[in-house]
Amino acid sequence: MEVTPGVHIACTLGGSGSPLLLLHGHPQTRAIWHKVAPALAQHHTLVCADLRGYGDSSKPPGEPDHANYSKRTMAQDQVALMQALGFQRFDVLAHDRGARVAHRMAMDHAPAVQRLVLLDIAPTLAMYEQTTEAFARAYWHWFFLIQPAPLPERLIQADPAAYLRDGMGRRTPGQSPFDPRAWAEYERCIALPGTAHAMCEDYRAAAGIDLDHDRADRSAGRLLQQPLLVLWGEHGVVQRCFQPLQEWQRVAREVQGGTLPCGHYIAEEAPQALLERVTPFLV
């Protein structure tokens, strides 16, 4: 669906009930939700969307300041999508990069976002300001992807499947948590023209203009107003390197959360545990 001139956002709709927007992370697509969507669809009208730059959504060339891949712009995409579908107010369940988009969406479009579930992230500003050697080694891609074009793009494009396999495989027991059909979709999409550049622009924005927006919120004392549930993997980097609940309490008024028995890819590694925490929160 076209959300701004020349930019379309790919999505899948299903289920019935209150609207729930699902947003994926890097380097994946809306296919990440396949293990939890059937249960969620019993109570919600699901909108599973690909972020700008990922999956089958548009991948415009980056701007000099990377603003068209800022989380502010990516959030506006998703709000426009939901409004075009007739949903003026909705809940959000989001993982990784999608959770960063959801954070900005809830801040910039507070009337639209009713409740918010964020998976396996601490706030972007906190993670950059508290970067340690351990974090940099584990999340090496944060610092690789922000390098000036076209270096990271060229290296990813040389073997997109290897980037996917090496990047995701290091955070899980190989590819065992991933359904082969979902993995095939990730491989298809990461090889699409423009994906490598778009992913880099997402991270370049996160290390620049997104931090400006977050610092402006902090300086102004702006807090998320929605009920917020934050969940993260007990075996993941976020648990090892940060204190996510405390960090979210600094930027939101009403926060609850904790760990789930998995690593980073929660919806695919621990779908039942995720549903047990998310379902009562979204009722």
C-alpha atoms as a PDB file:
ATOM      1  CA  MET A   1       0.000   0.000   0.000  1.00  0.00           C
ATOM      2  CA  GLU A   2       1.345   3.454  -0.905  1.00  0.00           C
ATOM      3  CA  VAL A   3       1.801   5.500   2.282  1.00  0.00           C
ATOM      4  CA  THR A   4       3.642   8.486   0.804  1.00  0.00           C
ATOM      5  CA  PRO A   5       4.270   9.318  -2.857  1.00  0.00           C
ATOM      6  CA  GLY A   6       6.546   6.639  -4.249  1.00  0.00           C
ATOM      7  CA  VAL A   7       6.786   4.621  -1.013  1.00  0.00           C
ATOM      8  CA  HIS A   8       4.675   1.538  -0.454  1.00  0.00           C
ATOM      9  CA  ILE A   9       4.569  -0.698   2.602  1.00  0.00           C
ATOM     10  CA  ALA A  10       3.911  -4.399   2.110  1.00  0.00           C
ATOM     11  CA  CYS A  11       1.661  -6.047   4.671  1.00  0.00           C
ATOM     12  CA  THR A  12      -0.464  -9.094   5.390  1.00  0.00           C
ATOM     13  CA  LEU A  13      -3.853  -8.845   7.128  1.00  0.00           C
ATOM     14  CA  GLY A  14      -5.707 -11.527   9.028  1.00  0.00           C
ATOM     15  CA  GLY A  15      -7.793 -12.385  12.048  1.00  0.00           C
ATOM     16  CA  SER A  16     -10.563 -10.429  13.732  1.00  0.00           C
ATOM     17  CA  GLY A  17     -10.881  -8.176  16.730  1.00  0.00           C
ATOM     18  CA  SER A  18      -8.939  -5.146  17.904  1.00  0.00           C
ATOM     19  CA  PRO A  19      -6.177  -4.018  15.514  1.00  0.00           C
ATOM     20  CA  LEU A  20      -2.616  -5.129  16.263  1.00  0.00           C
ATOM     21  CA  LEU A  21       0.359  -3.947  14.194  1.00  0.00           C
ATOM     22  CA  LEU A  22       3.317  -6.357  14.121  1.00  0.00           C
ATOM     23  CA  LEU A  23       6.768  -5.076  13.136  1.00  0.00           C
ATOM     24  CA  HIS A  24       9.831  -7.216  12.492  1.00  0.00           C
ATOM     25  CA  GLY A  25      13.539  -6.600  12.960  1.00  0.00           C
ATOM     26  CA  HIS A  26      16.823  -6.840  11.055  1.00  0.00           C
ATOM     27  CA  PRO A  27      17.569  -8.616   8.766  1.00  0.00           C
ATOM     28  CA  GLN A  28      14.157 -10.253   8.600  1.00  0.00           C
ATOM     29  CA  THR A  29      10.642  -9.587   7.305  1.00  0.00           C
ATOM     30  CA  ARG A  30       7.054  -9.890   8.471  1.00  0.00           C
ATOM     31  CA  ALA A  31       7.478 -13.668   8.187  1.00  0.00           C
ATOM     32  CA  ILE A  32       8.920 -13.721  11.730  1.00  0.00           C
ATOM     33  CA  TRP A  33       5.419 -13.844  13.198  1.00  0.00           C
ATOM     34  CA  HIS A  34       4.311 -17.112  11.604  1.00  0.00           C
ATOM     35  CA  LYS A  35       4.492 -19.112  14.859  1.00  0.00           C
ATOM     36  CA  VAL A  36       2.427 -16.664  16.925  1.00  0.00           C
ATOM     37  CA  ALA A  37       0.099 -15.107  14.356  1.00  0.00           C
ATOM     38  CA  PRO A  38      -2.544 -17.894  14.413  1.00  0.00           C
ATOM     39  CA  ALA A  39      -3.088 -17.502  18.159  1.00  0.00           C
ATOM     40  CA  LEU A  40      -2.996 -13.700  18.059  1.00  0.00           C
ATOM     41  CA  ALA A  41      -5.461 -13.680  15.174  1.00  0.00           C
ATOM     42  CA  GLN A  42      -8.111 -15.244  17.410  1.00  0.00           C
ATOM     43  CA  HIS A  43      -8.379 -11.951  19.309  1.00  0.00           C
ATOM     44  CA  HIS A  44      -6.940  -9.318  16.965  1.00  0.00           C
ATOM     45  CA  THR A  45      -7.027  -8.076  13.416  1.00  0.00           C
ATOM     46  CA  LEU A  46      -3.363  -8.474  12.581  1.00  0.00           C
ATOM     47  CA  VAL A  47      -1.430  -6.151  10.307  1.00  0.00           C
ATOM     48  CA  CYS A  48       1.974  -7.743   9.706  1.00  0.00           C
ATOM     49  CA  ALA A  49       4.038  -5.142   7.864  1.00  0.00           C
ATOM     50  CA  ASP A  50       7.471  -4.962   6.310  1.00  0.00           C
ATOM     51  CA  LEU A  51       9.440  -1.919   7.420  1.00  0.00           C
ATOM     52  CA  ARG A  52      10.626   0.592   4.851  1.00  0.00           C
ATOM     53  CA  GLY A  53      13.768  -0.892   3.321  1.00  0.00           C
ATOM     54  CA  TYR A  54      12.968  -4.492   4.236  1.00  0.00           C
ATOM     55  CA  GLY A  55      11.012  -7.352   2.735  1.00  0.00           C
ATOM     56  CA  ASP A  56       8.756  -6.246  -0.101  1.00  0.00           C
ATOM     57  CA  SER A  57       8.399  -2.641   1.066  1.00  0.00           C
ATOM     58  CA  SER A  58       9.979   0.250  -0.837  1.00  0.00           C
ATOM     59  CA  LYS A  59      13.711   0.844  -0.590  1.00  0.00           C
ATOM     60  CA  PRO A  60      14.353   4.471  -1.569  1.00  0.00           C
ATOM     61  CA  PRO A  61      17.942   5.740  -1.808  1.00  0.00           C
ATOM     62  CA  GLY A  62      19.156   7.275   1.426  1.00  0.00           C
ATOM     63  CA  GLU A  63      19.345  11.025   1.911  1.00  0.00           C
ATOM     64  CA  PRO A  64      22.563  12.781   3.016  1.00  0.00           C
ATOM     65  CA  ASP A  65      21.388  12.974   6.638  1.00  0.00           C
ATOM     66  CA  HIS A  66      19.653   9.556   6.416  1.00  0.00           C
ATOM     67  CA  ALA A  67      16.393  11.217   7.487  1.00  0.00           C
ATOM     68  CA  ASN A  68      14.261   9.112   5.168  1.00  0.00           C
ATOM     69  CA  TYR A  69      15.340   6.069   7.202  1.00  0.00           C
ATOM     70  CA  SER A  70      14.957   7.765  10.570  1.00  0.00           C
ATOM     71  CA  LYS A  71      12.683   5.946  12.956  1.00  0.00           C
ATOM     72  CA  ARG A  72      10.475   9.036  12.792  1.00  0.00           C
ATOM     73  CA  THR A  73       9.942   8.532   9.048  1.00  0.00           C
ATOM     74  CA  MET A  74       9.619   4.765   9.346  1.00  0.00           C
ATOM     75  CA  ALA A  75       7.048   5.225  12.118  1.00  0.00           C
ATOM     76  CA  GLN A  76       5.073   7.651   9.965  1.00  0.00           C
ATOM     77  CA  ASP A  77       4.962   4.956   7.262  1.00  0.00           C
ATOM     78  CA  GLN A  78       3.275   2.546   9.624  1.00  0.00           C
ATOM     79  CA  VAL A  79       0.820   5.062  11.065  1.00  0.00           C
ATOM     80  CA  ALA A  80      -0.186   6.021   7.528  1.00  0.00           C
ATOM     81  CA  LEU A  81      -0.630   2.332   6.685  1.00  0.00           C
ATOM     82  CA  MET A  82      -2.880   1.726   9.671  1.00  0.00           C
ATOM     83  CA  GLN A  83      -4.934   4.826   8.954  1.00  0.00           C
ATOM     84  CA  ALA A  84      -5.349   3.802   5.332  1.00  0.00           C
ATOM     85  CA  LEU A  85      -6.666   0.459   6.566  1.00  0.00           C
ATOM     86  CA  GLY A  86      -9.178   2.270   8.774  1.00  0.00           C
ATOM     87  CA  PHE A  87      -7.400   1.886  12.115  1.00  0.00           C
ATOM     88  CA  GLN A  88      -7.010   5.194  13.928  1.00  0.00           C
ATOM     89  CA  ARG A  89      -5.953   3.580  17.223  1.00  0.00           C
ATOM     90  CA  PHE A  90      -4.167   0.260  17.615  1.00  0.00           C
ATOM     91  CA  ASP A  91      -1.761  -1.860  19.651  1.00  0.00           C
ATOM     92  CA  VAL A  92       1.801  -2.618  18.540  1.00  0.00           C
ATOM     93  CA  LEU A  93       3.947  -5.715  18.984  1.00  0.00           C
ATOM     94  CA  ALA A  94       7.450  -5.175  17.624  1.00  0.00           C
ATOM     95  CA  HIS A  95      10.874  -6.820  17.609  1.00  0.00           C
ATOM     96  CA  ASP A  96      14.390  -5.401  17.220  1.00  0.00           C
ATOM     97  CA  ARG A  97      14.440  -2.631  14.548  1.00  0.00           C
ATOM     98  CA  GLY A  98      10.669  -2.704  14.460  1.00  0.00           C
ATOM     99  CA  ALA A  99      10.648  -2.067  18.196  1.00  0.00           C
ATOM    100  CA  ARG A 100      12.784   1.043  17.658  1.00  0.00           C
ATOM    101  CA  VAL A 101      10.285   2.221  15.064  1.00  0.00           C
ATOM    102  CA  ALA A 102       7.477   1.458  17.513  1.00  0.00           C
ATOM    103  CA  HIS A 103       9.205   3.457  20.267  1.00  0.00           C
ATOM    104  CA  ARG A 104       9.322   6.523  17.992  1.00  0.00           C
ATOM    105  CA  MET A 105       5.759   5.894  16.796  1.00  0.00           C
ATOM    106  CA  ALA A 106       4.428   5.830  20.350  1.00  0.00           C
ATOM    107  CA  MET A 107       6.301   9.052  21.150  1.00  0.00           C
ATOM    108  CA  ASP A 108       5.356  10.973  17.990  1.00  0.00           C
ATOM    109  CA  HIS A 109       1.840   9.560  17.526  1.00  0.00           C
ATOM    110  CA  ALA A 110       0.664   8.963  21.077  1.00  0.00           C
ATOM    111  CA  PRO A 111      -3.072   9.148  20.267  1.00  0.00           C
ATOM    112  CA  ALA A 112      -2.708   6.351  17.707  1.00  0.00           C
ATOM    113  CA  VAL A 113      -0.832   3.825  19.860  1.00  0.00           C
ATOM    114  CA  GLN A 114      -2.893   2.237  22.608  1.00  0.00           C
ATOM    115  CA  ARG A 115      -0.521  -0.374  24.071  1.00  0.00           C
ATOM    116  CA  LEU A 116       3.039  -1.265  23.199  1.00  0.00           C
ATOM    117  CA  VAL A 117       5.062  -4.502  23.380  1.00  0.00           C
ATOM    118  CA  LEU A 118       8.783  -4.230  22.576  1.00  0.00           C
ATOM    119  CA  LEU A 119      10.958  -7.314  22.146  1.00  0.00           C
ATOM    120  CA  ASP A 120      14.660  -7.639  22.952  1.00  0.00           C
ATOM    121  CA  ILE A 121      15.834  -4.057  22.869  1.00  0.00           C
ATOM    122  CA  ALA A 122      16.841  -1.342  25.280  1.00  0.00           C
ATOM    123  CA  PRO A 123      16.337   2.257  24.105  1.00  0.00           C
ATOM    124  CA  THR A 124      18.691   3.136  21.252  1.00  0.00           C
ATOM    125  CA  LEU A 125      20.214   6.106  23.058  1.00  0.00           C
ATOM    126  CA  ALA A 126      20.963   4.029  26.145  1.00  0.00           C
ATOM    127  CA  MET A 127      22.604   1.300  24.087  1.00  0.00           C
ATOM    128  CA  TYR A 128      24.888   3.703  22.240  1.00  0.00           C
ATOM    129  CA  GLU A 129      25.773   5.685  25.357  1.00  0.00           C
ATOM    130  CA  GLN A 130      26.565   2.498  27.287  1.00  0.00           C
ATOM    131  CA  THR A 131      28.449   0.671  24.552  1.00  0.00           C
ATOM    132  CA  THR A 132      31.159  -1.618  25.907  1.00  0.00           C
ATOM    133  CA  GLU A 133      33.674  -3.884  24.234  1.00  0.00           C
ATOM    134  CA  ALA A 134      31.438  -6.878  24.960  1.00  0.00           C
ATOM    135  CA  PHE A 135      28.479  -5.201  23.289  1.00  0.00           C
ATOM    136  CA  ALA A 136      30.518  -4.034  20.295  1.00  0.00           C
ATOM    137  CA  ARG A 137      31.839  -7.549  19.732  1.00  0.00           C
ATOM    138  CA  ALA A 138      28.380  -9.100  19.984  1.00  0.00           C
ATOM    139  CA  TYR A 139      26.547  -6.444  17.964  1.00  0.00           C
ATOM    140  CA  TRP A 140      29.353  -5.844  15.475  1.00  0.00           C
ATOM    141  CA  HIS A 141      26.801  -5.167  12.737  1.00  0.00           C
ATOM    142  CA  TRP A 142      25.756  -1.926  14.474  1.00  0.00           C
ATOM    143  CA  PHE A 143      29.193  -0.517  13.711  1.00  0.00           C
ATOM    144  CA  PHE A 144      29.729  -2.240  10.370  1.00  0.00           C
ATOM    145  CA  LEU A 145      26.481  -1.088   8.748  1.00  0.00           C
ATOM    146  CA  ILE A 146      26.988   2.584   9.628  1.00  0.00           C
ATOM    147  CA  GLN A 147      30.224   2.821   7.667  1.00  0.00           C
ATOM    148  CA  PRO A 148      30.035   5.203   4.686  1.00  0.00           C
ATOM    149  CA  ALA A 149      28.552   3.846   1.474  1.00  0.00           C
ATOM    150  CA  PRO A 150      29.275   1.797  -0.478  1.00  0.00           C
ATOM    151  CA  LEU A 151      31.615  -0.333   1.661  1.00  0.00           C
ATOM    152  CA  PRO A 152      29.093  -2.318   3.745  1.00  0.00           C
ATOM    153  CA  GLU A 153      26.612  -2.485   0.871  1.00  0.00           C
ATOM    154  CA  ARG A 154      29.238  -3.987  -1.420  1.00  0.00           C
ATOM    155  CA  LEU A 155      30.264  -6.622   1.109  1.00  0.00           C
ATOM    156  CA  ILE A 156      26.662  -7.660   1.846  1.00  0.00           C
ATOM    157  CA  GLN A 157      25.730  -7.773  -1.826  1.00  0.00           C
ATOM    158  CA  ALA A 158      28.677 -10.068  -2.535  1.00  0.00           C
ATOM    159  CA  ASP A 159      26.876 -12.873  -0.649  1.00  0.00           C
ATOM    160  CA  PRO A 160      23.574 -11.838   0.949  1.00  0.00           C
ATOM    161  CA  ALA A 161      22.766 -15.359   2.138  1.00  0.00           C
ATOM    162  CA  ALA A 162      26.093 -15.581   3.945  1.00  0.00           C
ATOM    163  CA  TYR A 163      25.460 -12.269   5.711  1.00  0.00           C
ATOM    164  CA  LEU A 164      22.086 -13.586   6.836  1.00  0.00           C
ATOM    165  CA  ARG A 165      23.495 -16.950   7.902  1.00  0.00           C
ATOM    166  CA  ASP A 166      26.520 -15.574   9.732  1.00  0.00           C
ATOM    167  CA  GLY A 167      24.667 -12.696  11.373  1.00  0.00           C
ATOM    168  CA  MET A 168      21.628 -14.597  12.609  1.00  0.00           C
ATOM    169  CA  GLY A 169      23.338 -17.932  13.152  1.00  0.00           C
ATOM    170  CA  ARG A 170      25.748 -16.512  15.724  1.00  0.00           C
ATOM    171  CA  ARG A 171      22.868 -15.554  18.007  1.00  0.00           C
ATOM    172  CA  THR A 172      21.087 -18.928  17.945  1.00  0.00           C
ATOM    173  CA  PRO A 173      21.960 -22.642  17.762  1.00  0.00           C
ATOM    174  CA  GLY A 174      22.579 -22.353  14.029  1.00  0.00           C
ATOM    175  CA  GLN A 175      19.360 -22.131  12.038  1.00  0.00           C
ATOM    176  CA  SER A 176      17.427 -24.568  14.204  1.00  0.00           C
ATOM    177  CA  PRO A 177      14.800 -22.075  15.511  1.00  0.00           C
ATOM    178  CA  PHE A 178      13.850 -20.980  12.003  1.00  0.00           C
ATOM    179  CA  ASP A 179      11.268 -22.683   9.829  1.00  0.00           C
ATOM    180  CA  PRO A 180      12.848 -23.412   6.425  1.00  0.00           C
ATOM    181  CA  ARG A 181      10.027 -21.572   4.691  1.00  0.00           C
ATOM    182  CA  ALA A 182      10.624 -18.454   6.764  1.00  0.00           C
ATOM    183  CA  TRP A 183      14.364 -18.726   6.190  1.00  0.00           C
ATOM    184  CA  ALA A 184      13.814 -18.970   2.450  1.00  0.00           C
ATOM    185  CA  GLU A 185      11.777 -15.759   2.643  1.00  0.00           C
ATOM    186  CA  TYR A 186      14.581 -13.985   4.532  1.00  0.00           C
ATOM    187  CA  GLU A 187      17.066 -15.132   1.885  1.00  0.00           C
ATOM    188  CA  ARG A 188      14.817 -13.975  -0.943  1.00  0.00           C
ATOM    189  CA  CYS A 189      14.280 -10.546   0.525  1.00  0.00           C
ATOM    190  CA  ILE A 190      17.833  -9.760   1.604  1.00  0.00           C
ATOM    191  CA  ALA A 191      18.930 -10.362  -1.997  1.00  0.00           C
ATOM    192  CA  LEU A 192      16.390  -7.924  -3.466  1.00  0.00           C
ATOM    193  CA  PRO A 193      17.859  -4.838  -5.159  1.00  0.00           C
ATOM    194  CA  GLY A 194      18.230  -2.004  -2.679  1.00  0.00           C
ATOM    195  CA  THR A 195      17.919  -4.078   0.489  1.00  0.00           C
ATOM    196  CA  ALA A 196      21.590  -3.892   1.481  1.00  0.00           C
ATOM    197  CA  HIS A 197      21.629  -0.111   1.077  1.00  0.00           C
ATOM    198  CA  ALA A 198      18.338   0.297   2.928  1.00  0.00           C
ATOM    199  CA  MET A 199      19.533  -1.777   5.870  1.00  0.00           C
ATOM    200  CA  CYS A 200      22.669   0.331   6.116  1.00  0.00           C
ATOM    201  CA  GLU A 201      20.630   3.516   5.962  1.00  0.00           C
ATOM    202  CA  ASP A 202      18.425   2.247   8.798  1.00  0.00           C
ATOM    203  CA  TYR A 203      21.506   1.848  11.000  1.00  0.00           C
ATOM    204  CA  ARG A 204      23.158   5.063   9.818  1.00  0.00           C
ATOM    205  CA  ALA A 205      20.018   6.925  10.841  1.00  0.00           C
ATOM    206  CA  ALA A 206      20.035   5.161  14.203  1.00  0.00           C
ATOM    207  CA  ALA A 207      23.574   6.343  14.904  1.00  0.00           C
ATOM    208  CA  GLY A 208      22.794   9.935  13.916  1.00  0.00           C
ATOM    209  CA  ILE A 209      19.427  11.579  13.445  1.00  0.00           C
ATOM    210  CA  ASP A 210      17.591   9.069  15.640  1.00  0.00           C
ATOM    211  CA  LEU A 211      19.872   9.926  18.551  1.00  0.00           C
ATOM    212  CA  ASP A 212      19.121  13.611  17.981  1.00  0.00           C
ATOM    213  CA  HIS A 213      15.411  12.882  18.268  1.00  0.00           C
ATOM    214  CA  ASP A 214      15.903  10.778  21.404  1.00  0.00           C
ATOM    215  CA  ARG A 215      18.068  13.426  23.044  1.00  0.00           C
ATOM    216  CA  ALA A 216      15.435  16.048  22.265  1.00  0.00           C
ATOM    217  CA  ASP A 217      12.841  13.902  24.040  1.00  0.00           C
ATOM    218  CA  ARG A 218      15.114  13.520  27.045  1.00  0.00           C
ATOM    219  CA  SER A 219      15.883  17.227  27.215  1.00  0.00           C
ATOM    220  CA  ALA A 220      12.188  18.079  27.050  1.00  0.00           C
ATOM    221  CA  GLY A 221      11.241  15.447  29.612  1.00  0.00           C
ATOM    222  CA  ARG A 222       8.948  13.651  27.179  1.00  0.00           C
ATOM    223  CA  LEU A 223       7.953  10.124  28.231  1.00  0.00           C
ATOM    224  CA  LEU A 224       5.978   7.365  26.580  1.00  0.00           C
ATOM    225  CA  GLN A 225       2.423   7.563  27.915  1.00  0.00           C
ATOM    226  CA  GLN A 226       1.137   4.143  26.821  1.00  0.00           C
ATOM    227  CA  PRO A 227       1.218   0.965  28.900  1.00  0.00           C
ATOM    228  CA  LEU A 228       4.474  -0.698  27.865  1.00  0.00           C
ATOM    229  CA  LEU A 229       5.496  -4.341  28.089  1.00  0.00           C
ATOM    230  CA  VAL A 230       9.172  -5.059  27.419  1.00  0.00           C
ATOM    231  CA  LEU A 231      10.430  -8.619  27.003  1.00  0.00           C
ATOM    232  CA  TRP A 232      13.919  -9.841  26.219  1.00  0.00           C
ATOM    233  CA  GLY A 233      15.778 -13.134  25.890  1.00  0.00           C
ATOM    234  CA  GLU A 234      17.516 -14.360  29.007  1.00  0.00           C
ATOM    235  CA  HIS A 235      20.321 -15.760  26.836  1.00  0.00           C
ATOM    236  CA  GLY A 236      20.703 -12.654  24.655  1.00  0.00           C
ATOM    237  CA  VAL A 237      23.039  -9.700  24.383  1.00  0.00           C
ATOM    238  CA  VAL A 238      20.504  -7.200  25.735  1.00  0.00           C
ATOM    239  CA  GLN A 239      20.272  -9.185  28.977  1.00  0.00           C
ATOM    240  CA  ARG A 240      24.043  -9.565  29.188  1.00  0.00           C
ATOM    241  CA  CYS A 241      25.038  -5.974  28.466  1.00  0.00           C
ATOM    242  CA  PHE A 242      22.199  -3.777  29.706  1.00  0.00           C
ATOM    243  CA  GLN A 243      19.431  -3.397  32.283  1.00  0.00           C
ATOM    244  CA  PRO A 244      16.501  -3.087  29.887  1.00  0.00           C
ATOM    245  CA  LEU A 245      13.672  -2.721  32.385  1.00  0.00           C
ATOM    246  CA  GLN A 246      15.431   0.109  34.202  1.00  0.00           C
ATOM    247  CA  GLU A 247      16.298   1.822  30.916  1.00  0.00           C
ATOM    248  CA  TRP A 248      12.695   1.716  29.733  1.00  0.00           C
ATOM    249  CA  GLN A 249      11.534   3.078  33.066  1.00  0.00           C
ATOM    250  CA  ARG A 250      13.590   6.172  32.280  1.00  0.00           C
ATOM    251  CA  VAL A 251      11.647   6.864  29.058  1.00  0.00           C
ATOM    252  CA  ALA A 252       8.143   5.580  29.839  1.00  0.00           C
ATOM    253  CA  ARG A 253       5.571   6.201  32.554  1.00  0.00           C
ATOM    254  CA  GLU A 254       4.106   2.696  32.879  1.00  0.00           C
ATOM    255  CA  VAL A 255       6.438  -0.254  32.244  1.00  0.00           C
ATOM    256  CA  GLN A 256       6.432  -3.947  33.052  1.00  0.00           C
ATOM    257  CA  GLY A 257       8.455  -6.814  31.679  1.00  0.00           C
ATOM    258  CA  GLY A 258      11.175  -9.398  32.059  1.00  0.00           C
ATOM    259  CA  THR A 259      13.041 -12.207  30.372  1.00  0.00           C
ATOM    260  CA  LEU A 260      11.837 -15.099  28.258  1.00  0.00           C
ATOM    261  CA  PRO A 261      13.678 -18.453  27.936  1.00  0.00           C
ATOM    262  CA  CYS A 262      15.418 -17.762  24.625  1.00  0.00           C
ATOM    263  CA  GLY A 263      17.888 -15.604  22.783  1.00  0.00           C
ATOM    264  CA  HIS A 264      17.221 -12.691  20.454  1.00  0.00           C
ATOM    265  CA  TYR A 265      14.644 -14.128  18.035  1.00  0.00           C
ATOM    266  CA  ILE A 266      11.836 -14.411  20.565  1.00  0.00           C
ATOM    267  CA  ALA A 267       8.863 -15.012  18.255  1.00  0.00           C
ATOM    268  CA  GLU A 268      10.642 -17.929  16.621  1.00  0.00           C
ATOM    269  CA  GLU A 269      12.625 -19.308  19.566  1.00  0.00           C
ATOM    270  CA  ALA A 270       9.958 -19.088  22.298  1.00  0.00           C
ATOM    271  CA  PRO A 271       6.561 -18.494  20.666  1.00  0.00           C
ATOM    272  CA  GLN A 272       4.470 -20.060  23.427  1.00  0.00           C
ATOM    273  CA  ALA A 273       6.253 -18.162  26.195  1.00  0.00           C
ATOM    274  CA  LEU A 274       5.772 -14.950  24.225  1.00  0.00           C
ATOM    275  CA  LEU A 275       2.060 -15.591  23.770  1.00  0.00           C
ATOM    276  CA  GLU A 276       1.644 -16.279  27.482  1.00  0.00           C
ATOM    277  CA  ARG A 277       3.027 -12.840  28.313  1.00  0.00           C
ATOM    278  CA  VAL A 278       1.554 -10.843  25.438  1.00  0.00           C
ATOM    279  CA  THR A 279      -2.002 -12.193  25.316  1.00  0.00           C
ATOM    280  CA  PRO A 280      -3.193 -10.954  28.749  1.00  0.00           C
ATOM    281  CA  PHE A 281      -1.418  -7.624  28.287  1.00  0.00           C
ATOM    282  CA  LEU A 282      -3.268  -6.929  25.027  1.00  0.00           C
ATOM    283  CA  VAL A 283      -6.730  -7.939  26.270  1.00  0.00           C
END
